[in-house]
Amino acid sequence: MQFIQTILPYAQVVLSIFLIAAVLLQTRGSSVGGAFGGSDGGSTFYTRRGAEKTFFQATIVISVLFVLTAFLTFYTS
């Protein structure tokens, strides 16, 4: 149990860096107005394909792992 308590903070740091990188790699040229709720006129929904789909799924997996490590850190302390 001591080993898990020792390694969890390092795992969270690594996962947070990967999560930030995955989110930043998903941005696809949206304007600043779109970030604050403004319409840029070209917002349409489409199916993700290729690398975009892979980054999207990786972001979900990394975020779930991050949340699990956060819960483990809380319950093991």
PDB file of N, CA and C in Angstrom:
ATOM      1  N   MET A   1       0.814  -1.187   0.000  1.00  0.00           N
ATOM      2  CA  MET A   1       0.000   0.000   0.000  1.00  0.00           C
ATOM      3  C   MET A   1       0.864   1.261   0.000  1.00  0.00           C
ATOM      4  N   GLN A   2       1.975   1.211   0.663  1.00  0.00           N
ATOM      5  CA  GLN A   2       2.898   2.351   0.703  1.00  0.00           C
ATOM      6  C   GLN A   2       3.436   2.669  -0.689  1.00  0.00           C
ATOM      7  N   PHE A   3       3.680   1.623  -1.496  1.00  0.00           N
ATOM      8  CA  PHE A   3       4.177   1.828  -2.855  1.00  0.00           C
ATOM      9  C   PHE A   3       3.154   2.578  -3.702  1.00  0.00           C
ATOM     10  N   ILE A   4       1.890   2.230  -3.542  1.00  0.00           N
ATOM     11  CA  ILE A   4       0.830   2.896  -4.314  1.00  0.00           C
ATOM     12  C   ILE A   4       0.724   4.367  -3.902  1.00  0.00           C
ATOM     13  N   GLN A   5       0.791   4.634  -2.605  1.00  0.00           N
ATOM     14  CA  GLN A   5       0.725   6.019  -2.139  1.00  0.00           C
ATOM     15  C   GLN A   5       1.919   6.831  -2.626  1.00  0.00           C
ATOM     16  N   THR A   6       3.049   6.173  -2.813  1.00  0.00           N
ATOM     17  CA  THR A   6       4.246   6.872  -3.281  1.00  0.00           C
ATOM     18  C   THR A   6       4.172   7.187  -4.763  1.00  0.00           C
ATOM     19  N   ILE A   7       3.621   6.279  -5.551  1.00  0.00           N
ATOM     20  CA  ILE A   7       3.671   6.431  -7.008  1.00  0.00           C
ATOM     21  C   ILE A   7       2.481   7.218  -7.580  1.00  0.00           C
ATOM     22  N   LEU A   8       1.360   7.289  -6.867  1.00  0.00           N
ATOM     23  CA  LEU A   8       0.171   7.957  -7.402  1.00  0.00           C
ATOM     24  C   LEU A   8       0.379   9.442  -7.731  1.00  0.00           C
ATOM     25  N   PRO A   9       1.039  10.237  -6.923  1.00  0.00           N
ATOM     26  CA  PRO A   9       1.238  11.646  -7.319  1.00  0.00           C
ATOM     27  C   PRO A   9       2.052  11.791  -8.607  1.00  0.00           C
ATOM     28  N   TYR A  10       3.042  10.938  -8.788  1.00  0.00           N
ATOM     29  CA  TYR A  10       3.828  10.996 -10.025  1.00  0.00           C
ATOM     30  C   TYR A  10       2.980  10.575 -11.221  1.00  0.00           C
ATOM     31  N   ALA A  11       2.136   9.584 -11.029  1.00  0.00           N
ATOM     32  CA  ALA A  11       1.244   9.146 -12.109  1.00  0.00           C
ATOM     33  C   ALA A  11       0.275  10.262 -12.484  1.00  0.00           C
ATOM     34  N   GLN A  12      -0.209  11.004 -11.489  1.00  0.00           N
ATOM     35  CA  GLN A  12      -1.126  12.102 -11.781  1.00  0.00           C
ATOM     36  C   GLN A  12      -0.441  13.222 -12.548  1.00  0.00           C
ATOM     37  N   VAL A  13       0.797  13.507 -12.215  1.00  0.00           N
ATOM     38  CA  VAL A  13       1.531  14.551 -12.941  1.00  0.00           C
ATOM     39  C   VAL A  13       1.722  14.138 -14.397  1.00  0.00           C
ATOM     40  N   VAL A  14       2.127  12.904 -14.622  1.00  0.00           N
ATOM     41  CA  VAL A  14       2.355  12.419 -15.986  1.00  0.00           C
ATOM     42  C   VAL A  14       1.042  12.403 -16.764  1.00  0.00           C
ATOM     43  N   LEU A  15      -0.029  11.905 -16.140  1.00  0.00           N
ATOM     44  CA  LEU A  15      -1.326  11.875 -16.823  1.00  0.00           C
ATOM     45  C   LEU A  15      -1.840  13.282 -17.115  1.00  0.00           C
ATOM     46  N   SER A  16      -1.596  14.224 -16.213  1.00  0.00           N
ATOM     47  CA  SER A  16      -2.066  15.587 -16.472  1.00  0.00           C
ATOM     48  C   SER A  16      -1.328  16.216 -17.648  1.00  0.00           C
ATOM     49  N   ILE A  17      -0.034  15.936 -17.766  1.00  0.00           N
ATOM     50  CA  ILE A  17       0.724  16.453 -18.909  1.00  0.00           C
ATOM     51  C   ILE A  17       0.206  15.843 -20.206  1.00  0.00           C
ATOM     52  N   PHE A  18      -0.035  14.520 -20.193  1.00  0.00           N
ATOM     53  CA  PHE A  18      -0.585  13.866 -21.386  1.00  0.00           C
ATOM     54  C   PHE A  18      -1.975  14.392 -21.718  1.00  0.00           C
ATOM     55  N   LEU A  19      -2.783  14.658 -20.700  1.00  0.00           N
ATOM     56  CA  LEU A  19      -4.135  15.161 -20.934  1.00  0.00           C
ATOM     57  C   LEU A  19      -4.102  16.558 -21.538  1.00  0.00           C
ATOM     58  N   ILE A  20      -3.239  17.407 -21.038  1.00  0.00           N
ATOM     59  CA  ILE A  20      -3.106  18.751 -21.608  1.00  0.00           C
ATOM     60  C   ILE A  20      -2.652  18.673 -23.061  1.00  0.00           C
ATOM     61  N   ALA A  21      -1.675  17.824 -23.339  1.00  0.00           N
ATOM     62  CA  ALA A  21      -1.188  17.672 -24.712  1.00  0.00           C
ATOM     63  C   ALA A  21      -2.279  17.131 -25.630  1.00  0.00           C
ATOM     64  N   ALA A  22      -3.046  16.168 -25.151  1.00  0.00           N
ATOM     65  CA  ALA A  22      -4.112  15.587 -25.979  1.00  0.00           C
ATOM     66  C   ALA A  22      -5.192  16.612 -26.288  1.00  0.00           C
ATOM     67  N   VAL A  23      -5.538  17.438 -25.314  1.00  0.00           N
ATOM     68  CA  VAL A  23      -6.560  18.466 -25.546  1.00  0.00           C
ATOM     69  C   VAL A  23      -6.042  19.521 -26.515  1.00  0.00           C
ATOM     70  N   LEU A  24      -4.790  19.921 -26.350  1.00  0.00           N
ATOM     71  CA  LEU A  24      -4.235  20.938 -27.248  1.00  0.00           C
ATOM     72  C   LEU A  24      -4.087  20.425 -28.673  1.00  0.00           C
ATOM     73  N   LEU A  25      -3.815  19.143 -28.847  1.00  0.00           N
ATOM     74  CA  LEU A  25      -3.693  18.586 -30.193  1.00  0.00           C
ATOM     75  C   LEU A  25      -5.040  18.466 -30.898  1.00  0.00           C
ATOM     76  N   GLN A  26      -6.129  18.536 -30.146  1.00  0.00           N
ATOM     77  CA  GLN A  26      -7.454  18.429 -30.754  1.00  0.00           C
ATOM     78  C   GLN A  26      -7.956  19.739 -31.333  1.00  0.00           C
ATOM     79  N   THR A  27      -7.407  20.861 -30.928  1.00  0.00           N
ATOM     80  CA  THR A  27      -7.918  22.135 -31.418  1.00  0.00           C
ATOM     81  C   THR A  27      -7.744  22.206 -32.926  1.00  0.00           C
ATOM     82  N   ARG A  28      -8.733  22.689 -33.591  1.00  0.00           N
ATOM     83  CA  ARG A  28      -8.704  22.703 -35.050  1.00  0.00           C
ATOM     84  C   ARG A  28      -9.015  24.085 -35.611  1.00  0.00           C
ATOM     85  N   GLY A  29      -8.275  25.065 -35.183  1.00  0.00           N
ATOM     86  CA  GLY A  29      -8.382  26.387 -35.760  1.00  0.00           C
ATOM     87  C   GLY A  29      -9.650  27.137 -35.436  1.00  0.00           C
ATOM     88  N   SER A  30     -10.247  26.890 -34.272  1.00  0.00           N
ATOM     89  CA  SER A  30     -11.433  27.653 -33.918  1.00  0.00           C
ATOM     90  C   SER A  30     -11.030  29.047 -33.469  1.00  0.00           C
ATOM     91  N   SER A  31     -11.868  29.992 -33.770  1.00  0.00           N
ATOM     92  CA  SER A  31     -11.532  31.385 -33.463  1.00  0.00           C
ATOM     93  C   SER A  31     -11.791  31.689 -31.994  1.00  0.00           C
ATOM     94  N   VAL A  32     -11.324  32.841 -31.549  1.00  0.00           N
ATOM     95  CA  VAL A  32     -11.495  33.249 -30.165  1.00  0.00           C
ATOM     96  C   VAL A  32     -12.969  33.481 -29.866  1.00  0.00           C
ATOM     97  N   GLY A  33     -13.705  33.987 -30.826  1.00  0.00           N
ATOM     98  CA  GLY A  33     -15.131  34.214 -30.624  1.00  0.00           C
ATOM     99  C   GLY A  33     -15.885  32.924 -30.373  1.00  0.00           C
ATOM    100  N   GLY A  34     -15.472  31.856 -31.004  1.00  0.00           N
ATOM    101  CA  GLY A  34     -16.106  30.563 -30.778  1.00  0.00           C
ATOM    102  C   GLY A  34     -15.826  30.015 -29.403  1.00  0.00           C
ATOM    103  N   ALA A  35     -14.699  30.375 -28.832  1.00  0.00           N
ATOM    104  CA  ALA A  35     -14.357  29.905 -27.491  1.00  0.00           C
ATOM    105  C   ALA A  35     -15.250  30.532 -26.434  1.00  0.00           C
ATOM    106  N   PHE A  36     -15.770  31.733 -26.700  1.00  0.00           N
ATOM    107  CA  PHE A  36     -16.614  32.414 -25.739  1.00  0.00           C
ATOM    108  C   PHE A  36     -18.082  32.369 -26.122  1.00  0.00           C
ATOM    109  N   GLY A  37     -18.470  31.446 -26.973  1.00  0.00           N
ATOM    110  CA  GLY A  37     -19.876  31.279 -27.305  1.00  0.00           C
ATOM    111  C   GLY A  37     -20.326  31.983 -28.556  1.00  0.00           C
ATOM    112  N   GLY A  38     -19.455  32.730 -29.183  1.00  0.00           N
ATOM    113  CA  GLY A  38     -19.825  33.406 -30.409  1.00  0.00           C
ATOM    114  C   GLY A  38     -19.856  32.443 -31.584  1.00  0.00           C
ATOM    115  N   SER A  39     -20.618  32.755 -32.559  1.00  0.00           N
ATOM    116  CA  SER A  39     -20.721  31.886 -33.723  1.00  0.00           C
ATOM    117  C   SER A  39     -19.766  32.363 -34.803  1.00  0.00           C
ATOM    118  N   ASP A  40     -18.998  31.444 -35.336  1.00  0.00           N
ATOM    119  CA  ASP A  40     -18.089  31.815 -36.416  1.00  0.00           C
ATOM    120  C   ASP A  40     -18.665  31.477 -37.781  1.00  0.00           C
ATOM    121  N   GLY A  41     -19.907  31.006 -37.804  1.00  0.00           N
ATOM    122  CA  GLY A  41     -20.573  30.760 -39.069  1.00  0.00           C
ATOM    123  C   GLY A  41     -20.248  29.426 -39.708  1.00  0.00           C
ATOM    124  N   GLY A  42     -19.161  28.793 -39.339  1.00  0.00           N
ATOM    125  CA  GLY A  42     -18.782  27.538 -39.968  1.00  0.00           C
ATOM    126  C   GLY A  42     -18.819  26.360 -39.028  1.00  0.00           C
ATOM    127  N   SER A  43     -19.612  26.458 -37.981  1.00  0.00           N
ATOM    128  CA  SER A  43     -19.643  25.368 -37.003  1.00  0.00           C
ATOM    129  C   SER A  43     -20.648  24.310 -37.452  1.00  0.00           C
ATOM    130  N   THR A  44     -20.118  23.241 -37.983  1.00  0.00           N
ATOM    131  CA  THR A  44     -20.945  22.110 -38.380  1.00  0.00           C
ATOM    132  C   THR A  44     -20.418  20.864 -37.692  1.00  0.00           C
ATOM    133  N   PHE A  45     -21.275  19.891 -37.536  1.00  0.00           N
ATOM    134  CA  PHE A  45     -20.878  18.639 -36.919  1.00  0.00           C
ATOM    135  C   PHE A  45     -20.510  17.643 -38.003  1.00  0.00           C
ATOM    136  N   TYR A  46     -19.476  16.879 -37.743  1.00  0.00           N
ATOM    137  CA  TYR A  46     -19.045  15.878 -38.707  1.00  0.00           C
ATOM    138  C   TYR A  46     -18.432  14.700 -37.967  1.00  0.00           C
ATOM    139  N   THR A  47     -18.242  13.607 -38.663  1.00  0.00           N
ATOM    140  CA  THR A  47     -17.678  12.405 -38.070  1.00  0.00           C
ATOM    141  C   THR A  47     -16.165  12.523 -37.991  1.00  0.00           C
ATOM    142  N   ARG A  48     -15.634  12.183 -36.823  1.00  0.00           N
ATOM    143  CA  ARG A  48     -14.178  12.202 -36.664  1.00  0.00           C
ATOM    144  C   ARG A  48     -13.588  11.003 -37.381  1.00  0.00           C
ATOM    145  N   ARG A  49     -12.455  11.226 -38.017  1.00  0.00           N
ATOM    146  CA  ARG A  49     -11.787  10.143 -38.742  1.00  0.00           C
ATOM    147  C   ARG A  49     -10.291  10.239 -38.527  1.00  0.00           C
ATOM    148  N   GLY A  50      -9.626   9.109 -38.635  1.00  0.00           N
ATOM    149  CA  GLY A  50      -8.176   9.065 -38.612  1.00  0.00           C
ATOM    150  C   GLY A  50      -7.576   9.517 -37.305  1.00  0.00           C
ATOM    151  N   ALA A  51      -6.596  10.397 -37.416  1.00  0.00           N
ATOM    152  CA  ALA A  51      -5.849  10.864 -36.246  1.00  0.00           C
ATOM    153  C   ALA A  51      -6.746  11.645 -35.291  1.00  0.00           C
ATOM    154  N   GLU A  52      -7.702  12.375 -35.817  1.00  0.00           N
ATOM    155  CA  GLU A  52      -8.596  13.148 -34.956  1.00  0.00           C
ATOM    156  C   GLU A  52      -9.418  12.230 -34.054  1.00  0.00           C
ATOM    157  N   LYS A  53      -9.891  11.123 -34.594  1.00  0.00           N
ATOM    158  CA  LYS A  53     -10.642  10.152 -33.805  1.00  0.00           C
ATOM    159  C   LYS A  53      -9.747   9.498 -32.757  1.00  0.00           C
ATOM    160  N   THR A  54      -8.497   9.204 -33.132  1.00  0.00           N
ATOM    161  CA  THR A  54      -7.551   8.596 -32.204  1.00  0.00           C
ATOM    162  C   THR A  54      -7.247   9.537 -31.053  1.00  0.00           C
ATOM    163  N   PHE A  55      -7.008  10.827 -31.333  1.00  0.00           N
ATOM    164  CA  PHE A  55      -6.749  11.804 -30.281  1.00  0.00           C
ATOM    165  C   PHE A  55      -7.965  11.971 -29.373  1.00  0.00           C
ATOM    166  N   PHE A  56      -9.148  11.949 -29.955  1.00  0.00           N
ATOM    167  CA  PHE A  56     -10.374  12.080 -29.172  1.00  0.00           C
ATOM    168  C   PHE A  56     -10.528  10.911 -28.207  1.00  0.00           C
ATOM    169  N   GLN A  57     -10.332   9.687 -28.700  1.00  0.00           N
ATOM    170  CA  GLN A  57     -10.451   8.511 -27.852  1.00  0.00           C
ATOM    171  C   GLN A  57      -9.336   8.452 -26.812  1.00  0.00           C
ATOM    172  N   ALA A  58      -8.130   8.864 -27.184  1.00  0.00           N
ATOM    173  CA  ALA A  58      -7.021   8.889 -26.231  1.00  0.00           C
ATOM    174  C   ALA A  58      -7.289   9.898 -25.121  1.00  0.00           C
ATOM    175  N   THR A  59      -7.901  11.021 -25.459  1.00  0.00           N
ATOM    176  CA  THR A  59      -8.227  12.029 -24.461  1.00  0.00           C
ATOM    177  C   THR A  59      -9.231  11.475 -23.449  1.00  0.00           C
ATOM    178  N   ILE A  60     -10.196  10.720 -23.925  1.00  0.00           N
ATOM    179  CA  ILE A  60     -11.178  10.112 -23.027  1.00  0.00           C
ATOM    180  C   ILE A  60     -10.503   9.110 -22.099  1.00  0.00           C
ATOM    181  N   VAL A  61      -9.644   8.267 -22.642  1.00  0.00           N
ATOM    182  CA  VAL A  61      -8.960   7.253 -21.834  1.00  0.00           C
ATOM    183  C   VAL A  61      -8.054   7.913 -20.799  1.00  0.00           C
ATOM    184  N   ILE A  62      -7.297   8.908 -21.222  1.00  0.00           N
ATOM    185  CA  ILE A  62      -6.386   9.593 -20.294  1.00  0.00           C
ATOM    186  C   ILE A  62      -7.166  10.301 -19.191  1.00  0.00           C
ATOM    187  N   SER A  63      -8.289  10.918 -19.535  1.00  0.00           N
ATOM    188  CA  SER A  63      -9.071  11.621 -18.515  1.00  0.00           C
ATOM    189  C   SER A  63      -9.689  10.644 -17.517  1.00  0.00           C
ATOM    190  N   VAL A  64     -10.130   9.486 -17.978  1.00  0.00           N
ATOM    191  CA  VAL A  64     -10.671   8.476 -17.064  1.00  0.00           C
ATOM    192  C   VAL A  64      -9.572   7.966 -16.135  1.00  0.00           C
ATOM    193  N   LEU A  65      -8.383   7.712 -16.679  1.00  0.00           N
ATOM    194  CA  LEU A  65      -7.265   7.279 -15.849  1.00  0.00           C
ATOM    195  C   LEU A  65      -6.889   8.342 -14.822  1.00  0.00           C
ATOM    196  N   PHE A  66      -6.920   9.598 -15.230  1.00  0.00           N
ATOM    197  CA  PHE A  66      -6.606  10.688 -14.304  1.00  0.00           C
ATOM    198  C   PHE A  66      -7.612  10.743 -13.158  1.00  0.00           C
ATOM    199  N   VAL A  67      -8.887  10.608 -13.471  1.00  0.00           N
ATOM    200  CA  VAL A  67      -9.921  10.637 -12.435  1.00  0.00           C
ATOM    201  C   VAL A  67      -9.771   9.432 -11.504  1.00  0.00           C
ATOM    202  N   LEU A  68      -9.471   8.271 -12.056  1.00  0.00           N
ATOM    203  CA  LEU A  68      -9.272   7.084 -11.221  1.00  0.00           C
ATOM    204  C   LEU A  68      -8.089   7.255 -10.273  1.00  0.00           C
ATOM    205  N   THR A  69      -6.999   7.821 -10.759  1.00  0.00           N
ATOM    206  CA  THR A  69      -5.854   8.045  -9.866  1.00  0.00           C
ATOM    207  C   THR A  69      -6.191   9.079  -8.800  1.00  0.00           C
ATOM    208  N   ALA A  70      -7.030  10.065  -9.138  1.00  0.00           N
ATOM    209  CA  ALA A  70      -7.441  11.053  -8.140  1.00  0.00           C
ATOM    210  C   ALA A  70      -8.264  10.385  -7.041  1.00  0.00           C
ATOM    211  N   PHE A  71      -9.188   9.510  -7.434  1.00  0.00           N
ATOM    212  CA  PHE A  71      -9.973   8.791  -6.429  1.00  0.00           C
ATOM    213  C   PHE A  71      -9.099   7.866  -5.598  1.00  0.00           C
ATOM    214  N   LEU A  72      -8.162   7.188  -6.226  1.00  0.00           N
ATOM    215  CA  LEU A  72      -7.266   6.313  -5.482  1.00  0.00           C
ATOM    216  C   LEU A  72      -6.417   7.094  -4.499  1.00  0.00           C
ATOM    217  N   THR A  73      -5.954   8.264  -4.896  1.00  0.00           N
ATOM    218  CA  THR A  73      -5.178   9.105  -3.995  1.00  0.00           C
ATOM    219  C   THR A  73      -6.013   9.522  -2.795  1.00  0.00           C
ATOM    220  N   PHE A  74      -7.267   9.833  -3.041  1.00  0.00           N
ATOM    221  CA  PHE A  74      -8.156  10.250  -1.953  1.00  0.00           C
ATOM    222  C   PHE A  74      -8.434   9.097  -0.986  1.00  0.00           C
ATOM    223  N   TYR A  75      -8.688   7.905  -1.532  1.00  0.00           N
ATOM    224  CA  TYR A  75      -9.064   6.783  -0.687  1.00  0.00           C
ATOM    225  C   TYR A  75      -7.894   6.092  -0.014  1.00  0.00           C
ATOM    226  N   THR A  76      -6.678   6.250  -0.514  1.00  0.00           N
ATOM    227  CA  THR A  76      -5.528   5.617   0.122  1.00  0.00           C
ATOM    228  C   THR A  76      -4.851   6.510   1.149  1.00  0.00           C
ATOM    229  N   SER A  77      -5.259   7.762   1.218  1.00  0.00           N
ATOM    230  CA  SER A  77      -4.620   8.666   2.189  1.00  0.00           C
ATOM    231  C   SER A  77      -5.312   8.620   3.529  1.00  0.00           C
TER     232      SER A  77
END
